[in-house]
Amino acid sequence: MSDAKHHAAHHGSGGAVYGLGFIGALVYFLQNADSFWMGVTGFFKAILWPAFYGVSFARLS
């Protein structure tokens, strides 16, 4: 097995974890939005939140 295939086989679940984090954050931020613009802000926060959380988690390991 080549190195590229071996590397991808063990680290391929990042997209799924990010997607679940995005959906969870989106639900949370939209439920707490009081206005349309707070909902728009919550959408963008939901996009960015899992990325920041993942970077901080990666530093711990």
PDB file of N, CA and C in Angstrom:
ATOM      1  N   MET A   1       0.859  -1.170   0.000  1.00  0.00           N
ATOM      2  CA  MET A   1       0.000   0.000   0.000  1.00  0.00           C
ATOM      3  C   MET A   1       0.907   1.235   0.000  1.00  0.00           C
ATOM      4  N   SER A   2       0.598   2.183  -0.852  1.00  0.00           N
ATOM      5  CA  SER A   2       1.422   3.385  -0.917  1.00  0.00           C
ATOM      6  C   SER A   2       1.172   4.274   0.296  1.00  0.00           C
ATOM      7  N   ASP A   3       2.093   5.211   0.527  1.00  0.00           N
ATOM      8  CA  ASP A   3       1.962   6.110   1.682  1.00  0.00           C
ATOM      9  C   ASP A   3       0.727   6.987   1.589  1.00  0.00           C
ATOM     10  N   ALA A   4       0.373   7.444   0.400  1.00  0.00           N
ATOM     11  CA  ALA A   4      -0.794   8.318   0.239  1.00  0.00           C
ATOM     12  C   ALA A   4      -2.081   7.575   0.585  1.00  0.00           C
ATOM     13  N   LYS A   5      -2.203   6.343   0.125  1.00  0.00           N
ATOM     14  CA  LYS A   5      -3.401   5.563   0.427  1.00  0.00           C
ATOM     15  C   LYS A   5      -3.452   5.207   1.909  1.00  0.00           C
ATOM     16  N   HIS A   6      -2.320   4.885   2.488  1.00  0.00           N
ATOM     17  CA  HIS A   6      -2.255   4.538   3.907  1.00  0.00           C
ATOM     18  C   HIS A   6      -2.629   5.747   4.762  1.00  0.00           C
ATOM     19  N   HIS A   7      -2.144   6.906   4.412  1.00  0.00           N
ATOM     20  CA  HIS A   7      -2.436   8.137   5.157  1.00  0.00           C
ATOM     21  C   HIS A   7      -3.920   8.490   5.067  1.00  0.00           C
ATOM     22  N   ALA A   8      -4.509   8.390   3.901  1.00  0.00           N
ATOM     23  CA  ALA A   8      -5.919   8.735   3.711  1.00  0.00           C
ATOM     24  C   ALA A   8      -6.837   7.741   4.415  1.00  0.00           C
ATOM     25  N   ALA A   9      -6.433   6.505   4.517  1.00  0.00           N
ATOM     26  CA  ALA A   9      -7.278   5.494   5.129  1.00  0.00           C
ATOM     27  C   ALA A   9      -7.461   5.729   6.625  1.00  0.00           C
ATOM     28  N   HIS A  10      -6.494   6.340   7.271  1.00  0.00           N
ATOM     29  CA  HIS A  10      -6.567   6.533   8.716  1.00  0.00           C
ATOM     30  C   HIS A  10      -7.036   7.921   9.125  1.00  0.00           C
ATOM     31  N   HIS A  11      -7.134   8.856   8.196  1.00  0.00           N
ATOM     32  CA  HIS A  11      -7.506  10.220   8.550  1.00  0.00           C
ATOM     33  C   HIS A  11      -8.643  10.737   7.681  1.00  0.00           C
ATOM     34  N   GLY A  12      -9.564   9.898   7.318  1.00  0.00           N
ATOM     35  CA  GLY A  12     -10.628  10.292   6.409  1.00  0.00           C
ATOM     36  C   GLY A  12     -11.918  10.729   7.072  1.00  0.00           C
ATOM     37  N   SER A  13     -11.997  10.706   8.399  1.00  0.00           N
ATOM     38  CA  SER A  13     -13.260  11.018   9.064  1.00  0.00           C
ATOM     39  C   SER A  13     -13.370  12.476   9.495  1.00  0.00           C
ATOM     40  N   GLY A  14     -12.397  13.313   9.169  1.00  0.00           N
ATOM     41  CA  GLY A  14     -12.431  14.714   9.577  1.00  0.00           C
ATOM     42  C   GLY A  14     -13.606  15.471   9.007  1.00  0.00           C
ATOM     43  N   GLY A  15     -13.981  15.184   7.773  1.00  0.00           N
ATOM     44  CA  GLY A  15     -15.110  15.866   7.153  1.00  0.00           C
ATOM     45  C   GLY A  15     -16.423  15.529   7.835  1.00  0.00           C
ATOM     46  N   ALA A  16     -16.572  14.293   8.248  1.00  0.00           N
ATOM     47  CA  ALA A  16     -17.797  13.887   8.941  1.00  0.00           C
ATOM     48  C   ALA A  16     -17.890  14.543  10.305  1.00  0.00           C
ATOM     49  N   VAL A  17     -16.777  14.622  11.007  1.00  0.00           N
ATOM     50  CA  VAL A  17     -16.761  15.251  12.330  1.00  0.00           C
ATOM     51  C   VAL A  17     -17.049  16.740  12.191  1.00  0.00           C
ATOM     52  N   TYR A  18     -16.448  17.387  11.196  1.00  0.00           N
ATOM     53  CA  TYR A  18     -16.719  18.806  10.959  1.00  0.00           C
ATOM     54  C   TYR A  18     -18.186  19.022  10.610  1.00  0.00           C
ATOM     55  N   GLY A  19     -18.745  18.153   9.780  1.00  0.00           N
ATOM     56  CA  GLY A  19     -20.146  18.277   9.389  1.00  0.00           C
ATOM     57  C   GLY A  19     -21.094  18.147  10.572  1.00  0.00           C
ATOM     58  N   LEU A  20     -20.825  17.196  11.458  1.00  0.00           N
ATOM     59  CA  LEU A  20     -21.661  17.052  12.650  1.00  0.00           C
ATOM     60  C   LEU A  20     -21.522  18.260  13.568  1.00  0.00           C
ATOM     61  N   GLY A  21     -20.295  18.786  13.691  1.00  0.00           N
ATOM     62  CA  GLY A  21     -20.086  19.989  14.490  1.00  0.00           C
ATOM     63  C   GLY A  21     -20.810  21.182  13.902  1.00  0.00           C
ATOM     64  N   PHE A  22     -20.797  21.299  12.584  1.00  0.00           N
ATOM     65  CA  PHE A  22     -21.494  22.391  11.905  1.00  0.00           C
ATOM     66  C   PHE A  22     -22.994  22.309  12.139  1.00  0.00           C
ATOM     67  N   ILE A  23     -23.570  21.123  11.978  1.00  0.00           N
ATOM     68  CA  ILE A  23     -25.013  20.961  12.157  1.00  0.00           C
ATOM     69  C   ILE A  23     -25.412  21.258  13.603  1.00  0.00           C
ATOM     70  N   GLY A  24     -24.655  20.748  14.546  1.00  0.00           N
ATOM     71  CA  GLY A  24     -24.960  21.006  15.946  1.00  0.00           C
ATOM     72  C   GLY A  24     -24.866  22.479  16.297  1.00  0.00           C
ATOM     73  N   ALA A  25     -23.812  23.145  15.822  1.00  0.00           N
ATOM     74  CA  ALA A  25     -23.649  24.570  16.087  1.00  0.00           C
ATOM     75  C   ALA A  25     -24.742  25.377  15.396  1.00  0.00           C
ATOM     76  N   LEU A  26     -25.114  24.992  14.191  1.00  0.00           N
ATOM     77  CA  LEU A  26     -26.165  25.708  13.467  1.00  0.00           C
ATOM     78  C   LEU A  26     -27.498  25.624  14.214  1.00  0.00           C
ATOM     79  N   VAL A  27     -27.838  24.448  14.676  1.00  0.00           N
ATOM     80  CA  VAL A  27     -29.078  24.288  15.438  1.00  0.00           C
ATOM     81  C   VAL A  27     -29.035  25.149  16.699  1.00  0.00           C
ATOM     82  N   TYR A  28     -27.917  25.121  17.405  1.00  0.00           N
ATOM     83  CA  TYR A  28     -27.794  25.894  18.639  1.00  0.00           C
ATOM     84  C   TYR A  28     -27.934  27.396  18.366  1.00  0.00           C
ATOM     85  N   PHE A  29     -27.172  27.902  17.412  1.00  0.00           N
ATOM     86  CA  PHE A  29     -27.185  29.340  17.156  1.00  0.00           C
ATOM     87  C   PHE A  29     -28.528  29.810  16.592  1.00  0.00           C
ATOM     88  N   LEU A  30     -29.165  29.013  15.761  1.00  0.00           N
ATOM     89  CA  LEU A  30     -30.460  29.424  15.206  1.00  0.00           C
ATOM     90  C   LEU A  30     -31.570  29.375  16.255  1.00  0.00           C
ATOM     91  N   GLN A  31     -31.499  28.442  17.172  1.00  0.00           N
ATOM     92  CA  GLN A  31     -32.504  28.395  18.226  1.00  0.00           C
ATOM     93  C   GLN A  31     -32.405  29.592  19.159  1.00  0.00           C
ATOM     94  N   ASN A  32     -31.201  30.128  19.331  1.00  0.00           N
ATOM     95  CA  ASN A  32     -30.994  31.257  20.226  1.00  0.00           C
ATOM     96  C   ASN A  32     -31.066  32.607  19.525  1.00  0.00           C
ATOM     97  N   ALA A  33     -31.341  32.622  18.235  1.00  0.00           N
ATOM     98  CA  ALA A  33     -31.420  33.880  17.489  1.00  0.00           C
ATOM     99  C   ALA A  33     -32.759  34.562  17.755  1.00  0.00           C
ATOM    100  N   ASP A  34     -32.675  35.868  18.040  1.00  0.00           N
ATOM    101  CA  ASP A  34     -33.885  36.647  18.298  1.00  0.00           C
ATOM    102  C   ASP A  34     -34.387  37.382  17.067  1.00  0.00           C
ATOM    103  N   SER A  35     -33.555  37.511  16.047  1.00  0.00           N
ATOM    104  CA  SER A  35     -33.939  38.242  14.842  1.00  0.00           C
ATOM    105  C   SER A  35     -33.315  37.556  13.624  1.00  0.00           C
ATOM    106  N   PHE A  36     -33.705  38.031  12.463  1.00  0.00           N
ATOM    107  CA  PHE A  36     -33.166  37.481  11.220  1.00  0.00           C
ATOM    108  C   PHE A  36     -31.653  37.645  11.164  1.00  0.00           C
ATOM    109  N   TRP A  37     -31.159  38.827  11.524  1.00  0.00           N
ATOM    110  CA  TRP A  37     -29.722  39.084  11.422  1.00  0.00           C
ATOM    111  C   TRP A  37     -28.921  38.300  12.451  1.00  0.00           C
ATOM    112  N   MET A  38     -29.511  38.024  13.589  1.00  0.00           N
ATOM    113  CA  MET A  38     -28.844  37.145  14.554  1.00  0.00           C
ATOM    114  C   MET A  38     -28.763  35.720  13.993  1.00  0.00           C
ATOM    115  N   GLY A  39     -29.774  35.321  13.230  1.00  0.00           N
ATOM    116  CA  GLY A  39     -29.737  34.025  12.569  1.00  0.00           C
ATOM    117  C   GLY A  39     -28.656  33.960  11.507  1.00  0.00           C
ATOM    118  N   VAL A  40     -28.492  35.054  10.741  1.00  0.00           N
ATOM    119  CA  VAL A  40     -27.424  35.111   9.735  1.00  0.00           C
ATOM    120  C   VAL A  40     -26.060  35.039  10.419  1.00  0.00           C
ATOM    121  N   THR A  41     -25.909  35.806  11.506  1.00  0.00           N
ATOM    122  CA  THR A  41     -24.653  35.760  12.265  1.00  0.00           C
ATOM    123  C   THR A  41     -24.419  34.357  12.819  1.00  0.00           C
ATOM    124  N   GLY A  42     -25.474  33.717  13.304  1.00  0.00           N
ATOM    125  CA  GLY A  42     -25.356  32.356  13.816  1.00  0.00           C
ATOM    126  C   GLY A  42     -24.934  31.367  12.756  1.00  0.00           C
ATOM    127  N   PHE A  43     -25.396  31.578  11.519  1.00  0.00           N
ATOM    128  CA  PHE A  43     -24.985  30.704  10.421  1.00  0.00           C
ATOM    129  C   PHE A  43     -23.480  30.791  10.203  1.00  0.00           C
ATOM    130  N   PHE A  44     -22.949  32.015  10.186  1.00  0.00           N
ATOM    131  CA  PHE A  44     -21.507  32.172   9.979  1.00  0.00           C
ATOM    132  C   PHE A  44     -20.703  31.680  11.176  1.00  0.00           C
ATOM    133  N   LYS A  45     -21.230  31.861  12.363  1.00  0.00           N
ATOM    134  CA  LYS A  45     -20.563  31.305  13.544  1.00  0.00           C
ATOM    135  C   LYS A  45     -20.523  29.786  13.469  1.00  0.00           C
ATOM    136  N   ALA A  46     -21.608  29.182  12.983  1.00  0.00           N
ATOM    137  CA  ALA A  46     -21.668  27.724  12.871  1.00  0.00           C
ATOM    138  C   ALA A  46     -20.643  27.201  11.873  1.00  0.00           C
ATOM    139  N   ILE A  47     -20.353  27.993  10.843  1.00  0.00           N
ATOM    140  CA  ILE A  47     -19.335  27.582   9.871  1.00  0.00           C
ATOM    141  C   ILE A  47     -17.952  27.597  10.515  1.00  0.00           C
ATOM    142  N   LEU A  48     -17.675  28.622  11.306  1.00  0.00           N
ATOM    143  CA  LEU A  48     -16.336  28.807  11.857  1.00  0.00           C
ATOM    144  C   LEU A  48     -16.089  28.052  13.155  1.00  0.00           C
ATOM    145  N   TRP A  49     -17.119  27.840  13.953  1.00  0.00           N
ATOM    146  CA  TRP A  49     -16.929  27.262  15.268  1.00  0.00           C
ATOM    147  C   TRP A  49     -16.252  25.886  15.250  1.00  0.00           C
ATOM    148  N   PRO A  50     -16.681  24.928  14.432  1.00  0.00           N
ATOM    149  CA  PRO A  50     -16.020  23.615  14.466  1.00  0.00           C
ATOM    150  C   PRO A  50     -14.549  23.685  14.056  1.00  0.00           C
ATOM    151  N   ALA A  51     -14.199  24.608  13.189  1.00  0.00           N
ATOM    152  CA  ALA A  51     -12.803  24.731  12.769  1.00  0.00           C
ATOM    153  C   ALA A  51     -11.928  25.193  13.932  1.00  0.00           C
ATOM    154  N   PHE A  52     -12.376  26.189  14.676  1.00  0.00           N
ATOM    155  CA  PHE A  52     -11.595  26.659  15.827  1.00  0.00           C
ATOM    156  C   PHE A  52     -11.515  25.603  16.909  1.00  0.00           C
ATOM    157  N   TYR A  53     -12.594  24.900  17.128  1.00  0.00           N
ATOM    158  CA  TYR A  53     -12.606  23.841  18.131  1.00  0.00           C
ATOM    159  C   TYR A  53     -11.667  22.703  17.726  1.00  0.00           C
ATOM    160  N   GLY A  54     -11.669  22.352  16.458  1.00  0.00           N
ATOM    161  CA  GLY A  54     -10.792  21.279  15.973  1.00  0.00           C
ATOM    162  C   GLY A  54      -9.330  21.632  16.087  1.00  0.00           C
ATOM    163  N   VAL A  55      -8.980  22.883  15.813  1.00  0.00           N
ATOM    164  CA  VAL A  55      -7.586  23.308  15.923  1.00  0.00           C
ATOM    165  C   VAL A  55      -7.131  23.256  17.375  1.00  0.00           C
ATOM    166  N   SER A  56      -7.957  23.726  18.285  1.00  0.00           N
ATOM    167  CA  SER A  56      -7.567  23.703  19.706  1.00  0.00           C
ATOM    168  C   SER A  56      -7.486  22.267  20.218  1.00  0.00           C
ATOM    169  N   PHE A  57      -8.362  21.385  19.735  1.00  0.00           N
ATOM    170  CA  PHE A  57      -8.301  19.986  20.139  1.00  0.00           C
ATOM    171  C   PHE A  57      -7.052  19.306  19.588  1.00  0.00           C
ATOM    172  N   ALA A  58      -6.665  19.656  18.366  1.00  0.00           N
ATOM    173  CA  ALA A  58      -5.487  19.054  17.747  1.00  0.00           C
ATOM    174  C   ALA A  58      -4.216  19.448  18.498  1.00  0.00           C
ATOM    175  N   ARG A  59      -4.204  20.630  19.078  1.00  0.00           N
ATOM    176  CA  ARG A  59      -3.023  21.056  19.840  1.00  0.00           C
ATOM    177  C   ARG A  59      -2.857  20.245  21.124  1.00  0.00           C
ATOM    178  N   LEU A  60      -3.949  19.744  21.664  1.00  0.00           N
ATOM    179  CA  LEU A  60      -3.879  18.978  22.898  1.00  0.00           C
ATOM    180  C   LEU A  60      -3.317  17.578  22.688  1.00  0.00           C
ATOM    181  N   SER A  61      -3.518  17.038  21.508  1.00  0.00           N
ATOM    182  CA  SER A  61      -3.070  15.655  21.276  1.00  0.00           C
ATOM    183  C   SER A  61      -1.681  15.568  20.706  1.00  0.00           C
TER     184      SER A  61
END
